[in-house]
């Protein structure tokens, strides 16, 4: 697969390794993944761009990771017109351990603004478009407000945010690595969650690519 112009070699190699884990995804887990793939396919067939907003409670860990892996996955498979966003039911900050895990996978992340909710610039390769990342609510004015998929990546947000205006909801929760903050397993658990999210979102985009 020719991804040299879209992804850094390190990030492409990570994706190459992640796709080998497709056969480890359970049939039960594939249900929401296939639902997301079908949403994307239906939207492509209808024409126009496809907007995905990944939502968790604090927009700190899983939603940021999912947003970035969606960007990487569409680049990896050469899928056009898919845009990804993230948000929370409240805003906090992009978690440092989540950033470290994503950097370990090959994302190029640079802090461009300090503060309690720093702003980061993320790139998929040295020559790729940059993506500005910071913690925000899902209904932030910069996020889509209609005709988008609200992908709920944590069960708490799914339960406490029962209605997202203008969206098709898809519940696709991941376990929260926050449970291991401050423990000897912290780095390993964030890396584990990073790989799971990468594998499952690559699986979604592989389904889309194969059906086109």
Protein backbone atom coordinates (compact mmCIF):
# COMPACT_ATOMS: atom_id res chain seq x y z
CA UNK A 1 0.00 0.00 0.00
CA UNK A 2 1.44 3.38 -0.98
CA UNK A 3 1.17 5.57 2.09
CA UNK A 4 4.48 7.41 1.84
CA UNK A 5 2.88 10.76 1.00
CA UNK A 6 0.17 10.43 3.64
CA UNK A 7 1.87 8.93 6.69
CA UNK A 8 5.35 8.96 8.14
CA UNK A 9 7.16 5.65 7.70
CA UNK A 10 6.89 5.03 11.44
CA UNK A 11 3.15 5.62 11.51
CA UNK A 12 2.62 3.52 8.38
CA UNK A 13 4.58 0.67 9.96
CA UNK A 14 2.43 0.90 13.08
CA UNK A 15 -0.69 0.66 10.90
CA UNK A 16 0.80 -2.31 9.04
CA UNK A 17 1.22 -4.09 12.37
CA UNK A 18 -2.20 -3.07 13.68
CA UNK A 19 -4.13 -4.48 10.72
CA UNK A 20 -2.72 -7.91 11.54
CA UNK A 21 -4.93 -7.80 14.63
CA UNK A 22 -8.24 -7.75 12.74
CA UNK A 23 -8.79 -11.45 13.38
CA UNK A 24 -8.56 -10.80 17.13
CA UNK A 25 -11.66 -8.56 17.09
CA UNK A 26 -14.66 -10.47 18.43
CA UNK A 27 -17.85 -10.84 16.41
CA UNK A 28 -19.72 -8.94 19.12
CA UNK A 29 -17.25 -6.08 18.97
CA UNK A 30 -17.53 -5.93 15.19
CA UNK A 31 -21.21 -4.96 15.45
CA UNK A 32 -20.61 -1.27 16.28
CA UNK A 33 -17.55 -1.18 14.03
CA UNK A 34 -19.58 -2.46 11.10
CA UNK A 35 -22.33 0.04 11.93
CA UNK A 36 -19.80 2.87 11.66
CA UNK A 37 -18.46 1.47 8.39
CA UNK A 38 -22.00 1.28 7.01
CA UNK A 39 -22.69 4.87 8.07
CA UNK A 40 -19.58 6.03 6.21
CA UNK A 41 -20.46 4.00 3.11
CA UNK A 42 -24.02 5.32 3.05
CA UNK A 43 -22.75 8.86 3.41
CA UNK A 44 -20.25 8.37 0.59
CA UNK A 45 -23.01 7.06 -1.66
CA UNK A 46 -25.14 10.09 -0.79
CA UNK A 47 -22.31 12.41 -1.85
CA UNK A 48 -20.48 15.10 0.06
CA UNK A 49 -18.12 14.86 3.01
CA UNK A 50 -18.44 12.52 5.97
CA UNK A 51 -18.06 13.97 9.46
CA UNK A 52 -17.27 11.80 12.49
CA UNK A 53 -17.21 13.23 16.02
CA UNK A 54 -15.71 10.96 18.69
CA UNK A 55 -17.19 11.73 22.10
CA UNK A 56 -16.13 10.81 25.63
CA UNK A 57 -16.71 12.55 28.95
CA UNK A 58 -13.61 14.75 29.24
CA UNK A 59 -12.27 14.85 25.67
CA UNK A 60 -8.94 13.94 27.17
CA UNK A 61 -7.94 10.42 26.18
CA UNK A 62 -10.08 8.05 24.11
CA UNK A 63 -11.88 10.64 21.98
CA UNK A 64 -8.63 12.39 21.02
CA UNK A 65 -6.98 9.06 20.24
CA UNK A 66 -9.94 7.96 18.12
CA UNK A 67 -10.04 11.25 16.24
CA UNK A 68 -6.37 10.96 15.33
CA UNK A 69 -6.61 7.29 14.38
CA UNK A 70 -9.53 8.07 12.10
CA UNK A 71 -7.35 10.66 10.35
CA UNK A 72 -4.53 8.15 10.03
CA UNK A 73 -6.82 5.33 8.88
CA UNK A 74 -8.39 7.29 6.02
CA UNK A 75 -4.90 8.37 4.96
CA UNK A 76 -3.65 4.78 5.16
CA UNK A 77 -6.45 3.50 2.93
CA UNK A 78 -6.67 6.56 0.69
CA UNK A 79 -10.31 7.30 1.53
CA UNK A 80 -11.46 10.79 0.59
CA UNK A 81 -13.92 13.20 2.20
CA UNK A 82 -13.88 11.75 5.73
CA UNK A 83 -13.29 14.34 8.45
CA UNK A 84 -12.87 13.50 12.13
CA UNK A 85 -13.47 15.59 15.23
CA UNK A 86 -13.69 15.01 18.96
CA UNK A 87 -15.41 16.48 21.99
CA UNK A 88 -16.61 15.77 25.50
CA UNK A 89 -19.56 16.41 27.71
CA UNK A 90 -17.07 18.78 29.37
CA UNK A 91 -13.66 20.17 28.45
CA UNK A 92 -10.47 19.36 30.38
CA UNK A 93 -7.13 18.85 28.56
CA UNK A 94 -5.47 16.43 26.13
CA UNK A 95 -3.94 13.92 28.56
CA UNK A 96 -0.14 13.71 28.68
CA UNK A 97 -0.03 9.91 28.77
CA UNK A 98 -2.40 9.71 25.80
CA UNK A 99 -0.11 12.09 23.91
CA UNK A 100 2.91 9.94 24.79
CA UNK A 101 1.16 6.82 23.50
CA UNK A 102 0.22 8.52 20.24
CA UNK A 103 3.76 9.82 19.77
CA UNK A 104 4.99 6.29 20.33
CA UNK A 105 2.79 5.17 17.44
CA UNK A 106 4.33 7.75 15.12
CA UNK A 107 2.15 10.87 15.36
CA UNK A 108 4.12 14.13 15.39
CA UNK A 109 2.69 16.23 18.22
CA UNK A 110 3.87 19.73 19.13
CA UNK A 111 2.48 21.97 21.85
CA UNK A 112 1.70 25.40 20.39
CA UNK A 113 -0.09 27.02 23.32
CA UNK A 114 0.35 26.51 27.07
CA UNK A 115 -2.30 26.76 29.76
CA UNK A 116 -4.67 24.52 31.66
CA UNK A 117 -6.04 23.29 28.31
CA UNK A 118 -3.01 23.40 25.98
CA UNK A 119 -3.27 23.46 22.20
CA UNK A 120 -1.29 20.96 20.13
CA UNK A 121 -0.44 20.67 16.45
CA UNK A 122 -0.54 17.09 15.17
CA UNK A 123 0.86 15.87 11.86
CA UNK A 124 0.74 12.44 10.23
CA UNK A 125 3.99 13.04 8.36
CA UNK A 126 6.52 15.80 7.89
CA UNK A 127 4.67 17.18 4.87
CA UNK A 128 1.09 16.48 5.88
CA UNK A 129 -1.60 18.94 6.87
CA UNK A 130 -1.46 19.90 10.54
CA UNK A 131 -4.42 19.30 12.85
CA UNK A 132 -5.07 21.49 15.87
CA UNK A 133 -6.01 19.51 18.99
CA UNK A 134 -7.28 20.66 22.37
CA UNK A 135 -10.05 19.62 24.73
CA UNK A 136 -13.52 20.92 23.90
CA UNK A 137 -17.19 20.06 24.30
CA UNK A 138 -18.79 18.01 21.56
CA UNK A 139 -20.99 20.95 20.54
CA UNK A 140 -18.06 23.33 20.14
CA UNK A 141 -18.69 25.70 17.19
CA UNK A 142 -15.76 24.16 15.31
CA UNK A 143 -17.36 20.70 15.41
CA UNK A 144 -20.14 19.66 13.01
CA UNK A 145 -23.68 20.39 14.18
CA UNK A 146 -25.71 18.36 11.66
CA UNK A 147 -25.42 15.31 9.44
CA UNK A 148 -22.57 13.68 11.37
CA UNK A 149 -21.89 10.49 13.30
CA UNK A 150 -21.59 10.88 17.08
CA UNK A 151 -19.32 7.98 17.99
CA UNK A 152 -19.55 7.45 21.75
CA UNK A 153 -16.20 6.04 22.82
CA UNK A 154 -16.95 5.84 26.53
CA UNK A 155 -19.95 4.30 28.27
CA UNK A 156 -20.28 7.23 30.69
CA UNK A 157 -20.75 9.74 27.88
CA UNK A 158 -23.11 7.34 26.11
CA UNK A 159 -25.30 7.06 29.22
CA UNK A 160 -25.21 10.70 30.28
CA UNK A 161 -25.49 12.27 26.84
CA UNK A 162 -28.53 10.48 25.54
CA UNK A 163 -29.22 12.94 22.72
CA UNK A 164 -26.73 14.60 20.38
CA UNK A 165 -28.58 17.01 18.05
CA UNK A 166 -28.05 16.52 14.33
CA UNK A 167 -26.23 13.22 14.71
CA UNK A 168 -26.48 9.52 14.06
CA UNK A 169 -25.32 7.90 17.32
CA UNK A 170 -23.03 4.89 17.38
CA UNK A 171 -21.93 3.47 20.75
CA UNK A 172 -18.38 2.14 20.45
CA UNK A 173 -16.91 2.35 23.98
CA UNK A 174 -13.31 1.62 24.91
CA UNK A 175 -12.02 0.92 28.43
CA UNK A 176 -10.51 4.02 30.04
CA UNK A 177 -6.73 3.86 30.58
CA UNK A 178 -7.18 6.54 33.26
CA UNK A 179 -7.78 3.70 35.72
CA UNK A 180 -4.03 3.01 35.58
CA UNK A 181 -2.79 6.60 36.05
CA UNK A 182 -0.02 6.71 38.63
CA UNK A 183 0.59 2.96 38.54
CA UNK A 184 3.55 0.98 37.17
CA UNK A 185 1.25 -0.19 34.34
CA UNK A 186 0.31 3.31 33.18
CA UNK A 187 2.48 3.48 30.05
CA UNK A 188 1.68 -0.08 28.98
CA UNK A 189 -2.07 0.41 29.40
CA UNK A 190 -2.13 3.63 27.38
CA UNK A 191 -0.10 1.92 24.66
CA UNK A 192 -2.51 -1.02 24.76
CA UNK A 193 -5.53 1.24 24.36
CA UNK A 194 -3.80 3.14 21.56
CA UNK A 195 -3.25 -0.12 19.68
CA UNK A 196 -6.84 -1.28 20.22
CA UNK A 197 -8.29 1.98 18.95
CA UNK A 198 -5.91 1.94 15.98
CA UNK A 199 -6.79 -1.65 15.08
CA UNK A 200 -10.54 -1.16 15.34
CA UNK A 201 -10.69 2.10 13.41
CA UNK A 202 -8.40 0.67 10.73
CA UNK A 203 -10.82 -2.27 10.57
CA UNK A 204 -13.71 0.17 9.98
CA UNK A 205 -11.87 1.95 7.17
CA UNK A 206 -10.78 -1.35 5.65
CA UNK A 207 -14.45 -2.34 5.45
CA UNK A 208 -15.21 0.97 3.74
CA UNK A 209 -12.33 0.62 1.28
CA UNK A 210 -13.23 -2.94 0.34
CA UNK A 211 -16.87 -2.02 -0.29
CA UNK A 212 -16.14 0.91 -2.58
